[in-house]
Protein backbone atom coordinates (compact mmCIF):
# COMPACT_ATOMS: atom_id res chain seq x y z
CA MET A 1 -20.15 -24.50 1.12
CA ASP A 2 -17.70 -24.40 4.02
CA LEU A 3 -17.45 -20.93 5.55
CA VAL A 4 -14.00 -21.29 7.16
CA PRO A 5 -11.79 -21.00 4.03
CA HIS A 6 -13.68 -17.87 2.95
CA LEU A 7 -13.21 -16.32 6.40
CA ILE A 8 -9.48 -17.07 6.23
CA ASN A 9 -9.23 -15.62 2.73
CA GLY A 10 -11.18 -12.55 3.85
CA ILE A 11 -8.86 -11.93 6.80
CA SER A 12 -5.82 -12.38 4.56
CA LEU A 13 -7.22 -9.95 2.00
CA GLY A 14 -8.14 -7.49 4.76
CA LEU A 15 -4.61 -7.43 6.16
CA LEU A 16 -3.23 -6.71 2.69
CA PHE A 17 -5.85 -3.99 2.13
CA ALA A 18 -4.79 -2.41 5.43
CA LEU A 19 -1.15 -2.48 4.34
CA ILE A 20 -2.09 -0.65 1.12
CA ALA A 21 -4.12 1.94 3.04
CA LEU A 22 -1.55 2.80 5.74
CA GLY A 23 0.79 4.65 3.37
CA PHE A 24 -2.19 6.54 1.99
CA MET A 25 -3.24 7.40 5.56
CA LEU A 26 0.16 8.84 6.49
CA ILE A 27 0.20 11.18 3.49
CA VAL A 28 -3.37 12.35 4.07
CA GLY A 29 -2.79 12.77 7.80
CA VAL A 30 0.40 14.83 7.71
CA MET A 31 0.20 16.57 4.34
CA GLU A 32 -3.59 16.89 4.06
CA THR A 33 -3.20 15.80 0.45
CA ILE A 34 -5.12 12.99 -1.23
CA ASN A 35 -2.46 11.25 -3.30
CA LEU A 36 -4.32 9.91 -6.34
CA ALA A 37 -1.01 8.48 -7.61
CA HIS A 38 -0.90 6.04 -4.67
CA GLY A 39 -2.29 3.20 -6.76
CA SER A 40 0.15 3.81 -9.62
CA LEU A 41 3.05 3.83 -7.15
CA PHE A 42 1.68 0.56 -5.76
CA ALA A 43 1.90 -0.83 -9.31
CA LEU A 44 5.37 0.64 -9.77
CA GLY A 45 6.49 -1.30 -6.68
CA MET A 46 5.36 -4.49 -8.42
CA TYR A 47 7.36 -3.71 -11.55
CA ALA A 48 10.42 -2.60 -9.58
CA ALA A 49 10.38 -5.97 -7.81
CA LEU A 50 9.90 -7.74 -11.14
CA PHE A 51 13.01 -5.99 -12.49
CA LEU A 52 15.06 -6.79 -9.39
CA LEU A 53 14.07 -10.45 -9.61
CA ALA A 54 15.20 -10.76 -13.23
CA PRO A 55 16.99 -7.60 -14.43
CA LYS A 56 17.64 -7.15 -18.12
CA LEU A 57 21.08 -5.54 -18.32
CA GLY A 58 21.88 -5.48 -22.04
CA TRP A 59 25.17 -3.66 -21.56
CA PHE A 60 26.30 -5.86 -18.67
CA PRO A 61 25.60 -9.49 -19.68
CA GLU A 62 28.19 -10.93 -17.29
CA THR A 63 26.75 -9.00 -14.36
CA GLN A 64 23.25 -10.15 -15.32
CA ALA A 65 24.36 -13.78 -15.56
CA ALA A 66 26.09 -13.60 -12.17
CA TYR A 67 23.03 -12.03 -10.55
CA MET A 68 20.65 -14.56 -12.09
CA SER A 69 22.82 -17.36 -10.70
CA LEU A 70 21.77 -16.31 -7.19
CA PRO A 71 19.02 -18.44 -5.59
CA ILE A 72 15.49 -17.21 -6.27
CA GLY A 73 14.98 -16.76 -2.51
CA THR A 74 17.92 -14.34 -2.33
CA ARG A 75 16.70 -12.37 -5.33
CA TYR A 76 13.18 -12.22 -3.88
CA ALA A 77 14.55 -10.86 -0.58
CA ILE A 78 16.55 -8.24 -2.53
CA ALA A 79 13.42 -7.25 -4.47
CA LEU A 80 11.30 -7.06 -1.31
CA PHE A 81 13.89 -4.81 0.36
CA PHE A 82 15.04 -2.56 -2.47
CA ALA A 83 11.87 -2.10 -4.56
CA PRO A 84 10.20 0.08 -1.84
CA ILE A 85 13.41 2.14 -1.53
CA LEU A 86 13.52 2.80 -5.28
CA VAL A 87 9.84 3.75 -5.38
CA GLY A 88 10.29 5.90 -2.26
CA LEU A 89 13.05 7.85 -4.04
CA PHE A 90 10.71 8.29 -7.01
CA GLY A 91 8.11 9.55 -4.54
CA LEU A 92 10.54 12.24 -3.37
CA LEU A 93 10.65 13.57 -6.94
CA LEU A 94 6.85 13.66 -7.03
CA GLU A 95 6.78 15.47 -3.68
CA LEU A 96 9.12 18.14 -5.08
CA CYS A 97 6.52 18.83 -7.77
CA LEU A 98 3.75 18.73 -5.17
CA ARG A 99 5.36 21.46 -3.05
CA ARG A 100 4.07 24.18 -5.35
CA THR A 101 0.51 23.20 -4.40
CA TYR A 102 0.97 23.57 -0.61
CA GLY A 103 -1.18 26.29 0.88
CA LYS A 104 -3.35 26.51 -2.22
CA ASP A 105 -6.70 25.07 -3.17
CA PRO A 106 -6.60 21.27 -2.56
CA LEU A 107 -7.83 20.80 -6.12
CA TYR A 108 -4.32 21.63 -7.37
CA GLY A 109 -2.83 18.72 -5.42
CA LEU A 110 -5.57 16.38 -6.61
CA LEU A 111 -5.01 17.33 -10.25
CA LEU A 112 -1.23 17.02 -9.97
CA THR A 113 -1.33 13.57 -8.37
CA PHE A 114 -3.99 12.45 -10.85
CA GLY A 115 -1.74 13.55 -13.71
CA ALA A 116 1.22 11.81 -12.05
CA ALA A 117 -0.82 8.59 -11.85
CA LEU A 118 -1.46 8.71 -15.60
CA VAL A 119 2.20 9.43 -16.35
CA ILE A 120 3.43 6.58 -14.13
CA GLU A 121 1.00 4.13 -15.72
CA GLU A 122 2.12 5.10 -19.23
CA LEU A 123 5.79 4.85 -18.23
CA ILE A 124 5.08 1.33 -17.03
CA ARG A 125 3.43 0.46 -20.35
CA VAL A 126 6.34 1.87 -22.35
CA THR A 127 8.96 0.09 -20.22
CA TRP A 128 7.35 -3.28 -19.50
CA GLY A 129 4.45 -3.50 -21.96
CA SER A 130 0.72 -3.93 -21.35
CA ASN A 131 0.53 -7.69 -20.91
CA GLU A 132 -0.08 -9.16 -17.47
CA GLN A 133 3.00 -10.73 -15.89
CA GLN A 134 3.62 -13.06 -12.99
CA MET A 135 6.30 -12.93 -10.32
CA ALA A 136 8.51 -15.94 -9.67
CA LEU A 137 8.45 -17.10 -6.05
CA PRO A 138 10.88 -19.09 -3.89
CA GLN A 139 9.91 -22.71 -3.42
CA ALA A 140 9.48 -22.22 0.33
CA ILE A 141 6.49 -19.88 -0.09
CA SER A 142 4.91 -21.32 -3.23
CA GLY A 143 2.48 -24.17 -3.61
CA ALA A 144 -0.10 -25.35 -1.08
CA PHE A 145 -0.29 -27.23 2.20
CA MET A 146 -2.93 -28.95 4.30
CA MET A 147 -4.46 -27.07 7.25
CA GLY A 148 -6.69 -29.68 8.85
CA ASP A 149 -9.08 -30.64 6.08
CA LEU A 150 -8.33 -27.48 4.09
CA VAL A 151 -5.84 -26.95 1.31
CA TYR A 152 -4.30 -23.50 1.68
CA SER A 153 -1.78 -21.39 -0.21
CA ARG A 154 1.65 -21.03 1.39
CA TYR A 155 2.06 -17.63 -0.19
CA ARG A 156 -1.16 -16.24 1.30
CA VAL A 157 0.05 -17.28 4.74
CA PHE A 158 3.41 -15.60 4.08
CA ALA A 159 1.68 -12.44 2.79
CA SER A 160 -0.62 -12.29 5.83
CA VAL A 161 2.23 -12.75 8.31
CA PHE A 162 4.32 -10.17 6.46
CA ALA A 163 1.43 -7.68 6.56
CA ILE A 164 1.02 -8.21 10.34
CA VAL A 165 4.76 -7.65 10.91
CA ALA A 166 4.79 -4.54 8.70
CA ILE A 167 1.74 -3.03 10.45
CA PHE A 168 3.22 -3.70 13.89
CA ALA A 169 6.60 -2.24 12.80
CA LEU A 170 4.86 0.92 11.59
CA TRP A 171 3.01 1.20 14.91
CA LEU A 172 6.28 0.82 16.83
CA PHE A 173 7.89 3.48 14.64
CA LEU A 174 5.07 5.98 15.20
CA GLU A 175 4.63 5.28 18.90
CA LYS A 176 8.09 4.46 20.22
CA THR A 177 10.57 6.60 18.24
CA PRO A 178 11.24 10.35 18.26
CA TYR A 179 10.73 10.46 14.50
CA GLY A 180 7.28 8.93 14.92
CA ALA A 181 6.49 11.53 17.56
CA ILE A 182 7.47 14.31 15.13
CA ILE A 183 5.23 12.83 12.44
CA LYS A 184 2.29 12.66 14.85
CA ALA A 185 2.96 16.21 16.01
CA GLY A 186 3.00 17.37 12.41
CA ALA A 187 -0.37 15.72 11.90
CA HIS A 188 -1.80 17.50 14.97
CA ASP A 189 -0.52 21.01 14.30
CA SER A 190 1.97 21.74 11.54
CA GLU A 191 2.38 25.37 12.57
CA MET A 192 3.40 24.37 16.09
CA VAL A 193 5.96 21.95 14.64
CA ARG A 194 7.43 24.77 12.57
CA ALA A 195 7.51 27.02 15.64
CA LEU A 196 9.52 24.37 17.49
CA GLY A 197 12.24 24.59 14.83
CA ILE A 198 11.40 21.41 12.92
CA HIS A 199 11.77 21.82 9.17
CA LEU A 200 8.23 21.20 7.91
CA GLY A 201 9.33 20.72 4.30
CA ARG A 202 11.70 17.90 5.27
CA LEU A 203 9.01 16.33 7.43
CA ARG A 204 6.56 16.32 4.53
CA SER A 205 9.18 14.87 2.18
CA ALA A 206 10.03 12.09 4.64
CA VAL A 207 6.37 11.23 5.26
CA PHE A 208 5.57 11.23 1.55
CA ALA A 209 8.54 8.93 0.83
CA LEU A 210 7.51 6.62 3.68
CA GLY A 211 3.90 6.50 2.48
CA VAL A 212 5.00 5.75 -1.07
CA ALA A 213 7.43 3.06 0.15
CA LEU A 214 4.57 1.41 2.07
CA ALA A 215 2.51 1.41 -1.13
CA ALA A 216 5.42 -0.27 -2.92
CA ILE A 217 5.81 -2.88 -0.16
CA ALA A 218 2.11 -3.68 -0.51
CA GLY A 219 2.58 -3.90 -4.29
CA VAL A 220 5.44 -6.40 -4.00
CA VAL A 221 3.50 -8.57 -1.56
CA MET A 222 0.25 -8.39 -3.57
CA ALA A 223 1.91 -9.04 -6.95
CA PRO A 224 1.64 -12.87 -6.91
CA ILE A 225 -2.00 -12.63 -5.77
CA TRP A 226 -3.38 -9.92 -8.07
CA GLY A 227 -0.99 -10.30 -10.99
CA ILE A 228 1.19 -7.55 -12.44
CA ARG A 229 -0.41 -5.21 -14.97
CA PRO A 230 -0.11 -1.44 -15.58
CA HIS A 231 -3.63 -0.54 -14.42
CA VAL A 232 -3.61 -2.67 -11.24
CA GLY A 233 -3.23 0.52 -9.22
CA VAL A 234 -6.91 1.30 -9.70
CA ASP A 235 -7.71 -1.89 -7.79
CA ALA A 236 -5.59 -0.59 -4.90
CA VAL A 237 -6.32 3.13 -4.59
CA VAL A 238 -10.12 2.84 -4.31
CA PRO A 239 -10.13 0.35 -1.39
CA ALA A 240 -7.32 2.36 0.26
CA PHE A 241 -9.39 5.54 0.18
CA LEU A 242 -12.49 3.77 1.46
CA ILE A 243 -10.55 2.11 4.27
CA ILE A 244 -8.97 5.28 5.70
CA VAL A 245 -12.35 7.05 5.71
CA LEU A 246 -14.15 3.98 7.05
CA GLY A 247 -11.61 3.48 9.83
CA GLY A 248 -11.31 7.18 10.64
CA VAL A 249 -8.82 9.49 8.92
CA GLY A 250 -5.49 9.25 10.73
CA SER A 251 -6.25 6.24 12.92
CA LEU A 252 -3.73 3.46 12.34
CA TRP A 253 -5.73 0.77 14.08
CA GLY A 254 -8.89 2.16 12.51
CA ALA A 255 -7.34 1.49 9.10
CA VAL A 256 -6.40 -2.04 10.18
CA VAL A 257 -9.90 -2.83 11.48
CA ALA A 258 -11.53 -1.26 8.42
CA GLY A 259 -9.20 -3.21 6.14
CA LEU A 260 -10.18 -6.46 7.85
CA LEU A 261 -13.89 -5.57 7.57
CA VAL A 262 -13.56 -4.75 3.88
CA GLY A 263 -11.57 -7.93 3.26
CA LEU A 264 -14.13 -10.09 5.03
CA VAL A 265 -17.07 -8.47 3.26
CA VAL A 266 -15.44 -8.72 -0.17
CA GLY A 267 -14.23 -12.28 0.46
CA LEU A 268 -17.54 -13.61 1.77
CA THR A 269 -19.63 -11.81 -0.83
CA GLY A 270 -17.33 -13.07 -3.59
CA ALA A 271 -17.84 -16.63 -2.38
CA TYR A 272 -21.64 -16.55 -2.26
CA ALA A 273 -22.61 -13.77 -4.70
CA SER A 274 -19.59 -12.90 -6.85
CA GLU A 275 -21.45 -10.22 -8.81
CA TRP A 276 -21.82 -8.24 -5.57
CA SER A 277 -18.18 -8.61 -4.51
CA LEU A 278 -17.00 -5.07 -5.31
CA MET A 279 -20.36 -3.47 -4.54
CA SER A 280 -20.27 -4.91 -1.03
CA MET A 281 -17.42 -2.68 0.17
CA TYR A 282 -19.25 0.43 -1.05
CA LEU A 283 -22.40 -0.68 0.77
CA LEU A 284 -20.34 -1.25 3.93
CA PHE A 285 -18.84 2.22 3.55
CA ILE A 286 -22.25 3.86 3.14
CA ALA A 287 -23.68 1.97 6.13
CA VAL A 288 -20.85 3.04 8.47
CA VAL A 289 -20.48 6.71 7.48
CA THR A 290 -24.26 7.17 7.57
CA PHE A 291 -24.20 6.58 11.33
CA ARG A 292 -20.63 7.69 12.07
CA SER A 293 -19.38 10.32 9.66
CA ARG A 294 -15.82 10.31 11.08
CA GLY A 295 -15.48 6.56 10.58
CA LEU A 296 -15.10 3.84 13.18
CA PHE A 297 -12.16 5.35 15.07
CA GLY A 298 -12.15 8.89 13.72
CA LYS A 299 -11.08 11.69 16.04
CA LYS A 300 -10.49 15.39 15.74
CA SER A 301 -6.72 14.94 15.54
CA VAL A 302 -5.17 12.66 12.97
CA LEU A 303 -2.75 9.81 13.66
CA ASP A 304 -4.21 9.64 17.15
CA THR A 305 -4.35 5.91 17.73
């Protein structure tokens, strides 16, 4: 069996895993809250994109017909842009509920986000049903092409390139903008940020919305690969948690490297011993944290890349 296609698939999967984990990392780093609803918000991003691709507007049939007359590429671009915004706004509502847990036992935040995950999943079932759905894709990024002697999916290439661009854009935002500097400062010492006159509540709201929007972006990009179903969030939140711990809590590039490692391990194991595919990432996690408890790039301060 040729190793090259499995390496390529593993790298592609790893980049997408890293994209899922980065939003989770931001929320953990700044808010010191493990958002167990991250996976459900990832799934909500899928369904928001599905709606924006083909909205069902019973009261506005003419508007629906006019929108559906747009090219599929235009509607896909609209879904890719606006679905994360819609889910980010939903995340702001969740953060309002989460505020009552700040400064208390972390268990309160865990329980609240766990309950929110269940509620979001049931809302998805009530609104869209329980059956798995597929997302329509523009012709330009669907189908396959030849790469040397290999047949490869156009969409996986698009998803990988998109993930690289999104990761680099997030790095630029954190490293090269004043807002990114405030977020990093809040991760280092929230009390000092408050003392400097920065509204900590607004900072937390902004970071939570950004983290949730990143989850939704990952959901939209992963939808054609994983399929769209209400419980798909479980497949996202577990690798995301493993990746941020494996890479080092708060390290952006640590999350990227860990995502690539997990993707390669899962991809290669799935090719040669499919029954060990999921188990392999847990074994990798145990092997790394046994010798380096802070993860590969873990440091005392979070978001220190």
